[in-house]
N, C-alpha and C. Protein backbone atom coordinates (compact mmCIF):
# COMPACT_ATOMS: atom_id res chain seq x y z
N MET A 1 -99.30 -3.97 42.71
CA MET A 1 -98.83 -2.73 43.29
C MET A 1 -97.57 -3.00 44.08
N ILE A 2 -96.52 -2.12 43.91
CA ILE A 2 -95.24 -2.30 44.57
C ILE A 2 -95.32 -1.78 45.98
N ASN A 3 -94.87 -2.62 46.89
CA ASN A 3 -94.82 -2.24 48.30
C ASN A 3 -93.59 -1.38 48.52
N PRO A 4 -93.76 -0.11 49.01
CA PRO A 4 -92.61 0.76 49.19
C PRO A 4 -91.64 0.24 50.23
N ASN A 5 -92.07 -0.66 51.12
CA ASN A 5 -91.18 -1.22 52.14
C ASN A 5 -90.45 -2.48 51.66
N GLU A 6 -90.78 -2.93 50.43
CA GLU A 6 -90.17 -4.15 49.91
C GLU A 6 -88.84 -3.83 49.26
N ASP A 7 -87.78 -4.65 49.53
CA ASP A 7 -86.46 -4.48 48.92
C ASP A 7 -86.56 -4.81 47.44
N LEU A 8 -86.07 -3.92 46.58
CA LEU A 8 -86.16 -4.12 45.13
C LEU A 8 -85.44 -5.39 44.68
N ALA A 9 -84.46 -5.78 45.42
CA ALA A 9 -83.70 -6.98 45.03
C ALA A 9 -84.52 -8.24 45.18
N ASP A 10 -85.58 -8.14 46.02
CA ASP A 10 -86.39 -9.34 46.24
C ASP A 10 -87.46 -9.50 45.19
N GLY A 11 -87.75 -8.45 44.41
CA GLY A 11 -88.83 -8.52 43.44
C GLY A 11 -88.30 -8.67 42.02
N PRO A 12 -89.20 -8.67 41.05
CA PRO A 12 -88.82 -8.81 39.64
C PRO A 12 -87.90 -7.71 39.18
N VAL A 13 -88.18 -6.48 39.61
CA VAL A 13 -87.33 -5.35 39.19
C VAL A 13 -85.95 -5.50 39.77
N GLY A 14 -85.91 -5.94 41.04
CA GLY A 14 -84.60 -6.14 41.69
C GLY A 14 -83.79 -7.22 41.00
N ALA A 15 -84.45 -8.28 40.60
CA ALA A 15 -83.76 -9.37 39.90
C ALA A 15 -83.20 -8.89 38.58
N TYR A 16 -84.01 -8.07 37.90
CA TYR A 16 -83.56 -7.54 36.61
C TYR A 16 -82.36 -6.64 36.81
N SER A 17 -82.42 -5.77 37.83
CA SER A 17 -81.31 -4.85 38.10
C SER A 17 -80.05 -5.63 38.45
N ALA A 18 -80.20 -6.67 39.24
CA ALA A 18 -79.03 -7.49 39.63
C ALA A 18 -78.42 -8.15 38.41
N ALA A 19 -79.29 -8.66 37.52
CA ALA A 19 -78.79 -9.32 36.31
C ALA A 19 -78.04 -8.33 35.43
N MET A 20 -78.58 -7.11 35.33
CA MET A 20 -77.93 -6.08 34.51
C MET A 20 -76.57 -5.70 35.08
N MET A 21 -76.49 -5.63 36.42
CA MET A 21 -75.23 -5.29 37.05
C MET A 21 -74.19 -6.37 36.80
N LYS A 22 -74.60 -7.64 36.89
CA LYS A 22 -73.67 -8.74 36.61
C LYS A 22 -73.19 -8.69 35.17
N LEU A 23 -74.13 -8.39 34.26
CA LEU A 23 -73.78 -8.31 32.85
C LEU A 23 -72.79 -7.19 32.60
N SER A 24 -73.01 -6.05 33.23
CA SER A 24 -72.09 -4.92 33.04
C SER A 24 -70.71 -5.25 33.59
N HIS A 25 -70.68 -6.00 34.73
CA HIS A 25 -69.39 -6.42 35.29
C HIS A 25 -68.66 -7.34 34.33
N LEU A 26 -69.40 -8.25 33.70
CA LEU A 26 -68.79 -9.16 32.72
C LEU A 26 -68.24 -8.42 31.52
N VAL A 27 -69.02 -7.42 31.06
CA VAL A 27 -68.57 -6.62 29.91
C VAL A 27 -67.30 -5.88 30.25
N ILE A 28 -67.26 -5.28 31.45
CA ILE A 28 -66.06 -4.52 31.87
C ILE A 28 -64.87 -5.46 32.01
N ALA A 29 -65.10 -6.64 32.63
CA ALA A 29 -64.01 -7.60 32.79
C ALA A 29 -63.48 -8.06 31.44
N GLY A 30 -64.40 -8.30 30.48
CA GLY A 30 -63.99 -8.70 29.13
C GLY A 30 -63.17 -7.62 28.45
N ALA A 31 -63.60 -6.37 28.64
CA ALA A 31 -62.86 -5.25 28.03
C ALA A 31 -61.48 -5.13 28.61
N VAL A 32 -61.35 -5.31 29.94
CA VAL A 32 -60.03 -5.24 30.59
C VAL A 32 -59.12 -6.35 30.07
N LEU A 33 -59.66 -7.57 29.97
CA LEU A 33 -58.87 -8.68 29.45
C LEU A 33 -58.44 -8.43 28.01
N GLY A 34 -59.37 -7.87 27.24
CA GLY A 34 -59.05 -7.56 25.84
C GLY A 34 -57.94 -6.54 25.73
N LEU A 35 -58.00 -5.52 26.56
CA LEU A 35 -56.95 -4.49 26.53
C LEU A 35 -55.60 -5.05 26.95
N SER A 36 -55.61 -5.92 27.97
CA SER A 36 -54.34 -6.48 28.42
C SER A 36 -53.75 -7.39 27.35
N ALA A 37 -54.64 -8.10 26.63
CA ALA A 37 -54.15 -8.97 25.55
C ALA A 37 -53.54 -8.14 24.44
N CYS A 38 -54.16 -6.98 24.15
CA CYS A 38 -53.60 -6.10 23.11
C CYS A 38 -52.25 -5.56 23.52
N ALA A 39 -52.14 -5.25 24.82
CA ALA A 39 -50.88 -4.71 25.31
C ALA A 39 -49.78 -5.75 25.21
N GLU A 40 -50.16 -7.03 25.35
CA GLU A 40 -49.15 -8.08 25.32
C GLU A 40 -48.83 -8.51 23.90
N GLY A 41 -49.62 -8.14 22.95
CA GLY A 41 -49.33 -8.49 21.57
C GLY A 41 -50.36 -9.45 21.03
N PRO A 42 -50.30 -9.74 19.74
CA PRO A 42 -51.28 -10.62 19.12
C PRO A 42 -51.14 -12.04 19.61
N GLY A 43 -52.22 -12.78 19.51
CA GLY A 43 -52.17 -14.17 19.91
C GLY A 43 -52.46 -14.32 21.39
N LEU A 44 -52.32 -15.53 21.89
CA LEU A 44 -52.59 -15.81 23.28
C LEU A 44 -51.32 -15.64 24.10
N GLY A 45 -51.46 -15.07 25.28
CA GLY A 45 -50.33 -14.94 26.18
C GLY A 45 -49.43 -13.77 25.81
N PRO A 46 -48.35 -13.58 26.58
CA PRO A 46 -47.44 -12.46 26.34
C PRO A 46 -46.67 -12.61 25.05
N THR A 47 -46.19 -11.49 24.54
CA THR A 47 -45.39 -11.51 23.32
C THR A 47 -44.10 -12.27 23.56
N PRO A 48 -43.75 -13.23 22.70
CA PRO A 48 -42.51 -13.98 22.91
C PRO A 48 -41.32 -13.04 22.82
N PRO A 49 -40.27 -13.31 23.61
CA PRO A 49 -39.10 -12.43 23.57
C PRO A 49 -38.46 -12.45 22.19
N SER A 50 -37.98 -11.28 21.76
CA SER A 50 -37.34 -11.22 20.46
C SER A 50 -36.00 -11.93 20.52
N ARG A 51 -35.62 -12.59 19.44
CA ARG A 51 -34.37 -13.34 19.40
C ARG A 51 -33.20 -12.39 19.21
N ASP A 52 -32.23 -12.50 20.10
CA ASP A 52 -31.05 -11.65 20.04
C ASP A 52 -30.08 -12.25 19.02
N PRO A 53 -29.75 -11.52 17.95
CA PRO A 53 -28.84 -12.06 16.94
C PRO A 53 -27.50 -12.49 17.52
N ALA A 54 -27.06 -11.82 18.60
CA ALA A 54 -25.77 -12.14 19.20
C ALA A 54 -25.79 -13.51 19.87
N SER A 55 -27.01 -14.00 20.21
CA SER A 55 -27.10 -15.29 20.89
C SER A 55 -27.19 -16.45 19.89
N ALA A 56 -27.31 -16.15 18.61
CA ALA A 56 -27.39 -17.19 17.60
C ALA A 56 -26.04 -17.90 17.50
N PRO A 57 -26.04 -19.21 17.23
CA PRO A 57 -24.77 -19.92 17.13
C PRO A 57 -23.92 -19.34 16.00
N PRO A 58 -22.61 -19.23 16.22
CA PRO A 58 -21.75 -18.63 15.21
C PRO A 58 -21.70 -19.48 13.95
N SER A 59 -21.57 -18.83 12.81
CA SER A 59 -21.45 -19.52 11.54
C SER A 59 -19.98 -19.77 11.23
N ALA A 60 -19.68 -20.94 10.69
CA ALA A 60 -18.30 -21.27 10.34
C ALA A 60 -17.80 -20.41 9.19
N ASP A 61 -18.71 -19.77 8.46
CA ASP A 61 -18.32 -18.93 7.33
C ASP A 61 -18.10 -17.47 7.72
N VAL A 62 -18.37 -17.13 8.98
CA VAL A 62 -18.24 -15.75 9.43
C VAL A 62 -17.05 -15.62 10.36
N PHE A 63 -16.09 -14.76 10.01
CA PHE A 63 -14.91 -14.53 10.85
C PHE A 63 -15.29 -13.72 12.07
N ARG A 64 -14.92 -14.20 13.25
CA ARG A 64 -15.18 -13.50 14.50
C ARG A 64 -13.89 -13.47 15.31
N ALA A 65 -13.33 -12.27 15.47
CA ALA A 65 -12.06 -12.12 16.17
C ALA A 65 -12.11 -12.70 17.57
N GLN A 66 -13.28 -12.58 18.24
CA GLN A 66 -13.38 -13.06 19.62
C GLN A 66 -13.19 -14.57 19.73
N ASP A 67 -13.44 -15.30 18.64
CA ASP A 67 -13.25 -16.74 18.67
C ASP A 67 -11.77 -17.12 18.75
N PHE A 68 -10.90 -16.19 18.36
CA PHE A 68 -9.45 -16.42 18.39
C PHE A 68 -8.80 -15.93 19.67
N ALA A 69 -9.57 -15.25 20.52
CA ALA A 69 -9.01 -14.59 21.70
C ALA A 69 -8.22 -15.55 22.59
N TRP A 70 -8.67 -16.79 22.71
CA TRP A 70 -8.00 -17.76 23.58
C TRP A 70 -6.53 -17.94 23.21
N SER A 71 -6.22 -17.80 21.92
CA SER A 71 -4.87 -18.08 21.43
C SER A 71 -3.86 -16.98 21.76
N THR A 72 -4.35 -15.84 22.22
CA THR A 72 -3.44 -14.72 22.50
C THR A 72 -2.82 -14.81 23.90
N ALA A 73 -3.31 -15.71 24.72
CA ALA A 73 -2.78 -15.87 26.07
C ALA A 73 -1.41 -16.54 26.02
N ALA A 74 -0.56 -16.16 26.96
CA ALA A 74 0.75 -16.81 27.06
C ALA A 74 0.57 -18.14 27.77
N GLY A 75 1.24 -19.17 27.27
CA GLY A 75 1.14 -20.49 27.88
C GLY A 75 2.50 -21.12 28.02
N LYS A 76 2.51 -22.34 28.50
CA LYS A 76 3.78 -23.06 28.69
C LYS A 76 3.99 -24.14 27.65
N GLY A 77 3.02 -24.29 26.76
CA GLY A 77 3.11 -25.33 25.75
C GLY A 77 3.95 -24.90 24.56
N GLY A 78 4.15 -25.85 23.64
CA GLY A 78 4.92 -25.53 22.44
C GLY A 78 4.77 -26.61 21.39
N VAL A 79 5.32 -26.34 20.22
CA VAL A 79 5.33 -27.29 19.11
C VAL A 79 6.74 -27.37 18.56
N ASP A 80 7.29 -28.57 18.51
CA ASP A 80 8.58 -28.83 17.86
C ASP A 80 8.30 -29.69 16.65
N GLY A 81 8.62 -29.17 15.46
CA GLY A 81 8.28 -29.89 14.25
C GLY A 81 9.47 -30.21 13.36
N HIS A 82 9.26 -31.18 12.50
CA HIS A 82 10.28 -31.59 11.52
C HIS A 82 9.58 -31.99 10.23
N VAL A 83 10.17 -31.59 9.12
CA VAL A 83 9.62 -31.94 7.81
C VAL A 83 10.45 -33.07 7.22
N GLY A 84 9.79 -34.21 7.01
CA GLY A 84 10.45 -35.35 6.39
C GLY A 84 9.66 -35.82 5.18
N PHE A 85 8.88 -34.92 4.61
CA PHE A 85 7.96 -35.27 3.52
C PHE A 85 8.71 -35.68 2.26
N SER A 86 8.15 -36.70 1.60
CA SER A 86 8.66 -37.12 0.29
C SER A 86 7.49 -37.58 -0.56
N SER A 87 7.64 -37.46 -1.85
CA SER A 87 6.57 -37.86 -2.77
C SER A 87 7.20 -38.34 -4.07
N GLY A 88 6.78 -39.52 -4.51
CA GLY A 88 7.31 -40.07 -5.75
C GLY A 88 8.82 -40.27 -5.72
N GLY A 89 9.33 -40.61 -4.54
CA GLY A 89 10.77 -40.83 -4.41
C GLY A 89 11.57 -39.54 -4.26
N VAL A 90 10.89 -38.40 -4.27
CA VAL A 90 11.56 -37.10 -4.14
C VAL A 90 11.40 -36.60 -2.71
N ARG A 91 12.54 -36.25 -2.10
CA ARG A 91 12.48 -35.73 -0.74
C ARG A 91 12.31 -34.22 -0.79
N TYR A 92 11.58 -33.69 0.21
CA TYR A 92 11.27 -32.26 0.26
C TYR A 92 11.97 -31.60 1.45
N THR A 93 12.16 -30.30 1.33
CA THR A 93 12.76 -29.52 2.40
C THR A 93 11.98 -28.22 2.65
N CYS A 94 12.11 -27.73 3.87
CA CYS A 94 11.48 -26.45 4.20
C CYS A 94 12.55 -25.45 4.64
N LYS A 95 13.80 -25.78 4.39
CA LYS A 95 14.91 -24.93 4.83
C LYS A 95 14.71 -23.47 4.46
N GLY A 96 14.72 -22.60 5.46
CA GLY A 96 14.57 -21.16 5.25
C GLY A 96 13.16 -20.69 4.99
N ALA A 97 12.22 -21.63 4.93
CA ALA A 97 10.83 -21.27 4.65
C ALA A 97 10.10 -20.87 5.93
N GLY A 98 9.12 -20.01 5.77
CA GLY A 98 8.30 -19.61 6.91
C GLY A 98 7.31 -20.69 7.28
N VAL A 99 7.01 -20.78 8.57
CA VAL A 99 6.02 -21.73 9.08
C VAL A 99 5.02 -20.91 9.89
N ILE A 100 3.75 -21.17 9.67
CA ILE A 100 2.74 -20.44 10.46
C ILE A 100 1.93 -21.42 11.30
N LEU A 101 1.48 -20.90 12.42
CA LEU A 101 0.66 -21.66 13.34
C LEU A 101 -0.65 -20.89 13.52
N THR A 102 -1.74 -21.48 13.05
CA THR A 102 -3.05 -20.83 13.09
C THR A 102 -3.94 -21.46 14.15
N PRO A 103 -4.54 -20.66 15.05
CA PRO A 103 -5.44 -21.23 16.07
C PRO A 103 -6.67 -21.86 15.41
N GLU A 104 -7.15 -22.94 16.00
CA GLU A 104 -8.36 -23.57 15.49
C GLU A 104 -9.60 -22.89 16.06
N THR A 105 -10.51 -22.52 15.17
CA THR A 105 -11.85 -22.04 15.53
C THR A 105 -12.79 -22.68 14.52
N LEU A 106 -14.08 -22.46 14.67
CA LEU A 106 -15.02 -22.97 13.67
C LEU A 106 -14.67 -22.42 12.29
N TRP A 107 -14.29 -21.14 12.27
CA TRP A 107 -13.99 -20.47 11.01
C TRP A 107 -12.72 -21.04 10.37
N SER A 108 -11.63 -21.15 11.15
CA SER A 108 -10.37 -21.63 10.57
C SER A 108 -10.47 -23.12 10.20
N ARG A 109 -11.24 -23.88 10.95
CA ARG A 109 -11.45 -25.29 10.60
C ARG A 109 -12.16 -25.40 9.26
N ARG A 110 -13.15 -24.56 9.06
CA ARG A 110 -13.87 -24.55 7.78
C ARG A 110 -12.93 -24.15 6.64
N ARG A 111 -12.08 -23.16 6.90
CA ARG A 111 -11.14 -22.70 5.89
C ARG A 111 -10.14 -23.80 5.52
N MET A 112 -9.62 -24.51 6.52
CA MET A 112 -8.68 -25.60 6.25
C MET A 112 -9.34 -26.71 5.44
N THR A 113 -10.59 -27.00 5.77
CA THR A 113 -11.31 -28.06 5.07
C THR A 113 -11.47 -27.73 3.58
N ILE A 114 -11.71 -26.45 3.29
CA ILE A 114 -11.87 -26.04 1.89
C ILE A 114 -10.52 -26.01 1.17
N LEU A 115 -9.52 -25.42 1.81
CA LEU A 115 -8.21 -25.27 1.16
C LEU A 115 -7.47 -26.59 1.00
N TYR A 116 -7.56 -27.44 2.03
CA TYR A 116 -6.75 -28.66 2.05
C TYR A 116 -7.56 -29.95 1.97
N SER A 117 -8.87 -29.83 1.79
CA SER A 117 -9.75 -31.01 1.71
C SER A 117 -9.73 -31.85 2.98
N SER A 118 -9.29 -31.26 4.08
CA SER A 118 -9.25 -31.97 5.36
C SER A 118 -9.05 -30.96 6.48
N PRO A 119 -9.66 -31.21 7.64
CA PRO A 119 -9.41 -30.35 8.80
C PRO A 119 -8.35 -30.95 9.72
N VAL A 120 -7.67 -32.02 9.26
CA VAL A 120 -6.72 -32.73 10.11
C VAL A 120 -5.29 -32.66 9.57
N SER A 121 -5.08 -33.15 8.36
CA SER A 121 -3.74 -33.10 7.76
C SER A 121 -3.85 -33.27 6.25
N SER A 122 -2.88 -32.67 5.56
CA SER A 122 -2.91 -32.72 4.10
C SER A 122 -1.59 -32.23 3.52
N ALA A 123 -1.31 -32.69 2.32
CA ALA A 123 -0.17 -32.20 1.54
C ALA A 123 -0.65 -32.12 0.09
N LEU A 124 -0.78 -30.89 -0.41
CA LEU A 124 -1.30 -30.67 -1.76
C LEU A 124 -0.39 -29.70 -2.52
N PRO A 125 -0.39 -29.80 -3.83
CA PRO A 125 0.37 -28.82 -4.62
C PRO A 125 -0.07 -27.40 -4.27
N VAL A 126 0.90 -26.51 -4.14
CA VAL A 126 0.62 -25.13 -3.76
C VAL A 126 -0.39 -24.48 -4.71
N ASP A 127 -0.24 -24.72 -6.01
CA ASP A 127 -1.15 -24.11 -6.98
C ASP A 127 -2.60 -24.56 -6.76
N GLN A 128 -2.77 -25.79 -6.33
CA GLN A 128 -4.11 -26.30 -6.09
C GLN A 128 -4.75 -25.60 -4.88
N VAL A 129 -3.97 -25.38 -3.83
CA VAL A 129 -4.48 -24.70 -2.65
C VAL A 129 -4.80 -23.25 -2.98
N ARG A 130 -3.93 -22.60 -3.74
CA ARG A 130 -4.18 -21.21 -4.12
C ARG A 130 -5.44 -21.08 -4.97
N ALA A 131 -5.69 -22.04 -5.82
CA ALA A 131 -6.88 -22.00 -6.67
C ALA A 131 -8.16 -22.09 -5.86
N ARG A 132 -8.09 -22.70 -4.68
CA ARG A 132 -9.27 -22.85 -3.84
C ARG A 132 -9.51 -21.64 -2.93
N THR A 133 -8.51 -20.79 -2.82
CA THR A 133 -8.59 -19.66 -1.88
C THR A 133 -9.84 -18.79 -2.05
N PRO A 134 -10.27 -18.46 -3.29
CA PRO A 134 -11.46 -17.61 -3.44
C PRO A 134 -12.74 -18.22 -2.86
N THR A 135 -12.77 -19.54 -2.69
CA THR A 135 -13.98 -20.18 -2.17
C THR A 135 -13.95 -20.37 -0.65
N ALA A 136 -12.83 -20.01 -0.02
CA ALA A 136 -12.70 -20.18 1.42
C ALA A 136 -13.26 -18.97 2.16
N PRO A 137 -13.71 -19.14 3.42
CA PRO A 137 -14.22 -18.01 4.20
C PRO A 137 -13.18 -16.90 4.30
N VAL A 138 -13.65 -15.67 4.26
CA VAL A 138 -12.75 -14.52 4.24
C VAL A 138 -12.69 -13.86 5.63
N GLY A 139 -11.50 -13.41 6.01
CA GLY A 139 -11.33 -12.71 7.28
C GLY A 139 -9.87 -12.44 7.54
N ASP A 140 -9.57 -11.37 8.26
CA ASP A 140 -8.19 -11.02 8.57
C ASP A 140 -7.82 -11.61 9.93
N TYR A 141 -7.17 -12.75 9.90
CA TYR A 141 -6.76 -13.42 11.14
C TYR A 141 -5.26 -13.33 11.37
N SER A 142 -4.59 -12.45 10.63
CA SER A 142 -3.13 -12.33 10.71
C SER A 142 -2.64 -12.00 12.12
N ALA A 143 -3.44 -11.26 12.89
CA ALA A 143 -3.02 -10.87 14.24
C ALA A 143 -2.93 -12.07 15.19
N PHE A 144 -3.52 -13.20 14.80
CA PHE A 144 -3.56 -14.36 15.70
C PHE A 144 -2.61 -15.48 15.27
N ILE A 145 -1.89 -15.25 14.18
CA ILE A 145 -0.98 -16.27 13.66
C ILE A 145 0.37 -16.18 14.37
N ARG A 146 0.93 -17.32 14.71
CA ARG A 146 2.30 -17.40 15.23
C ARG A 146 3.21 -17.78 14.06
N ARG A 147 4.43 -17.25 14.07
CA ARG A 147 5.34 -17.49 12.95
C ARG A 147 6.68 -18.05 13.40
N SER A 148 7.23 -18.91 12.55
CA SER A 148 8.55 -19.48 12.80
C SER A 148 9.23 -19.71 11.46
N THR A 149 10.46 -20.23 11.49
CA THR A 149 11.21 -20.49 10.26
C THR A 149 11.89 -21.84 10.34
N CYS A 150 11.88 -22.58 9.24
CA CYS A 150 12.57 -23.87 9.20
C CYS A 150 14.07 -23.64 9.17
N ASP A 151 14.80 -24.42 9.95
CA ASP A 151 16.26 -24.29 9.94
C ASP A 151 16.87 -25.22 8.89
N ALA A 152 18.19 -25.32 8.88
CA ALA A 152 18.88 -26.11 7.87
C ALA A 152 18.59 -27.60 8.00
N ALA A 153 18.11 -28.02 9.17
CA ALA A 153 17.78 -29.43 9.38
C ALA A 153 16.28 -29.70 9.22
N ASP A 154 15.57 -28.75 8.60
CA ASP A 154 14.13 -28.88 8.37
C ASP A 154 13.33 -28.98 9.67
N ARG A 155 13.81 -28.25 10.67
CA ARG A 155 13.12 -28.22 11.96
C ARG A 155 12.64 -26.81 12.27
N PHE A 156 11.57 -26.77 13.07
CA PHE A 156 11.01 -25.48 13.50
C PHE A 156 10.39 -25.65 14.87
N SER A 157 10.11 -24.55 15.54
CA SER A 157 9.49 -24.64 16.86
C SER A 157 8.67 -23.40 17.18
N PHE A 158 7.70 -23.59 18.07
CA PHE A 158 6.87 -22.52 18.60
C PHE A 158 6.84 -22.70 20.12
N ALA A 159 6.93 -21.58 20.83
CA ALA A 159 6.94 -21.65 22.29
C ALA A 159 5.87 -20.74 22.88
N ASN A 160 5.67 -20.87 24.20
CA ASN A 160 4.73 -20.03 24.95
C ASN A 160 3.30 -20.12 24.44
N LEU A 161 2.88 -21.33 24.08
CA LEU A 161 1.54 -21.52 23.54
C LEU A 161 0.54 -21.91 24.64
N PRO A 162 -0.66 -21.34 24.59
CA PRO A 162 -1.71 -21.81 25.50
C PRO A 162 -2.26 -23.14 25.00
N ASN A 163 -2.90 -23.87 25.88
CA ASN A 163 -3.51 -25.14 25.48
C ASN A 163 -4.58 -24.88 24.43
N GLY A 164 -4.66 -25.79 23.46
CA GLY A 164 -5.66 -25.66 22.41
C GLY A 164 -5.19 -26.32 21.14
N ALA A 165 -6.05 -26.29 20.13
CA ALA A 165 -5.72 -26.90 18.83
C ALA A 165 -5.22 -25.83 17.86
N TRP A 166 -4.24 -26.22 17.07
CA TRP A 166 -3.58 -25.30 16.13
C TRP A 166 -3.36 -26.01 14.79
N TYR A 167 -3.16 -25.20 13.75
CA TYR A 167 -2.81 -25.74 12.44
C TYR A 167 -1.40 -25.28 12.07
N VAL A 168 -0.52 -26.25 11.84
CA VAL A 168 0.82 -25.95 11.34
C VAL A 168 0.74 -25.94 9.82
N ILE A 169 1.24 -24.87 9.21
CA ILE A 169 1.17 -24.75 7.75
C ILE A 169 2.52 -24.26 7.21
N LEU A 170 3.00 -24.91 6.15
CA LEU A 170 4.24 -24.48 5.51
C LEU A 170 4.27 -24.94 4.06
N VAL A 171 5.23 -24.41 3.32
CA VAL A 171 5.44 -24.83 1.94
C VAL A 171 6.80 -25.52 1.86
N ALA A 172 6.80 -26.74 1.35
CA ALA A 172 8.03 -27.52 1.20
C ALA A 172 8.38 -27.61 -0.28
N LYS A 173 9.68 -27.53 -0.55
CA LYS A 173 10.15 -27.58 -1.94
C LYS A 173 10.95 -28.86 -2.17
N PRO A 174 10.87 -29.39 -3.38
CA PRO A 174 11.61 -30.63 -3.68
C PRO A 174 13.12 -30.37 -3.72
N LEU A 175 13.88 -31.27 -3.11
CA LEU A 175 15.34 -31.14 -3.18
C LEU A 175 15.79 -31.37 -4.62
N GLY A 176 16.66 -30.53 -5.09
CA GLY A 176 17.12 -30.64 -6.47
C GLY A 176 16.27 -29.81 -7.42
N GLY A 177 15.16 -29.28 -6.93
CA GLY A 177 14.35 -28.38 -7.75
C GLY A 177 13.42 -29.07 -8.72
N LYS A 178 13.42 -30.40 -8.77
CA LYS A 178 12.54 -31.11 -9.69
C LYS A 178 11.31 -31.63 -8.94
N GLY A 179 10.17 -31.07 -9.28
CA GLY A 179 8.95 -31.47 -8.60
C GLY A 179 8.08 -30.25 -8.32
N THR A 180 7.00 -30.50 -7.65
CA THR A 180 6.02 -29.44 -7.36
C THR A 180 6.12 -28.99 -5.92
N ASP A 181 6.09 -27.70 -5.70
CA ASP A 181 6.04 -27.18 -4.33
C ASP A 181 4.76 -27.67 -3.66
N MET A 182 4.91 -28.10 -2.42
CA MET A 182 3.77 -28.68 -1.70
C MET A 182 3.38 -27.84 -0.49
N ALA A 183 2.09 -27.58 -0.35
CA ALA A 183 1.56 -26.92 0.84
C ALA A 183 1.18 -28.02 1.82
N ILE A 184 1.80 -27.99 2.99
CA ILE A 184 1.58 -29.03 3.99
C ILE A 184 0.88 -28.44 5.21
N MET A 185 -0.16 -29.10 5.67
CA MET A 185 -0.92 -28.64 6.83
C MET A 185 -1.15 -29.81 7.77
N LYS A 186 -1.04 -29.53 9.07
CA LYS A 186 -1.35 -30.57 10.06
C LYS A 186 -1.91 -29.94 11.33
N ARG A 187 -2.96 -30.55 11.85
CA ARG A 187 -3.58 -30.08 13.10
C ARG A 187 -2.84 -30.70 14.28
N VAL A 188 -2.53 -29.87 15.26
CA VAL A 188 -1.87 -30.35 16.47
C VAL A 188 -2.63 -29.83 17.69
N GLU A 189 -2.52 -30.55 18.80
CA GLU A 189 -3.18 -30.12 20.04
C GLU A 189 -2.15 -29.97 21.14
N VAL A 190 -2.14 -28.80 21.75
CA VAL A 190 -1.29 -28.55 22.90
C VAL A 190 -2.12 -28.81 24.15
N ARG A 191 -1.61 -29.68 25.02
CA ARG A 191 -2.34 -30.03 26.23
C ARG A 191 -1.42 -29.99 27.44
N PHE A 192 -1.97 -29.58 28.56
CA PHE A 192 -1.28 -29.60 29.85
C PHE A 192 0.05 -28.82 29.81
N GLY A 193 0.13 -27.83 28.93
CA GLY A 193 1.34 -27.01 28.87
C GLY A 193 2.57 -27.76 28.40
N ARG A 194 2.39 -28.81 27.61
CA ARG A 194 3.53 -29.64 27.16
C ARG A 194 3.96 -29.29 25.74
N ILE A 195 5.13 -29.78 25.37
CA ILE A 195 5.64 -29.61 24.01
C ILE A 195 5.12 -30.74 23.15
N VAL A 196 4.55 -30.41 22.00
CA VAL A 196 4.04 -31.41 21.07
C VAL A 196 5.06 -31.62 19.96
N LEU A 197 5.40 -32.87 19.69
CA LEU A 197 6.31 -33.20 18.60
C LEU A 197 5.48 -33.56 17.37
N VAL A 198 5.78 -32.92 16.25
CA VAL A 198 5.00 -33.16 15.04
C VAL A 198 5.92 -33.42 13.85
N GLU A 199 5.60 -34.44 13.09
CA GLU A 199 6.34 -34.80 11.89
C GLU A 199 5.46 -34.52 10.68
N LEU A 200 5.99 -33.73 9.75
CA LEU A 200 5.24 -33.40 8.53
C LEU A 200 5.89 -34.05 7.32
C-alpha cells in the first residue's frame, strides 16, 4: 500500500518517472542536435565554405586584363636596344620596322613560349612563328603594348617604363633581300627606374 505522505521519487513509481523524464530529455536533446546538424548541412560539422572561383589561381591560358595593370603606370625606366643579328653570314636590319614591348604576365609568358619556343629569347623565321599563332593563348592585349620604331642605325628605345619584365619583339630583314625574315624576341627586366641596354 502506498503511503500518501511518501515522496513518489523515493519509491518505485518515482524512480520510473525520473527515468522517463531523463529519457525524454535525451530524446529532445538528440532531436535538437539532429536539427542543428541538418541546418549545417550533410556530414559532420558545419558546411565547408564554397570555393570562390575568383580566388582560384589564374590560368596561363586565360587572358586577364588586370594582370597587365602594373604596366600602365608611368615610370622612370627605359629600354635602349640595338639589332646586330646575323645568320649564315647574312646581316639583318630592322631599319624602319616597328618594335613592340609587351608586359610579362603568366599569360604573355605562356604565349611567348608557344610562339618562340622560349620565354627568354629567340630568333625564328617569321612564317614559323605565324604558323604557331593559332595554338597560342588568345586575348586582346593591344592596349598594354608599347611601340617604337627602329632608326637607320638599327636602334630603338622605350621610355617612362615602370619596373618589371617586358618582351621586346620585332621583325628583322636580311640586308640585300636574300634570306628569311626573322622574328626576334627577348625578355628584359627594368629595375630601379634605370635604362636597360639590350642587344638583339
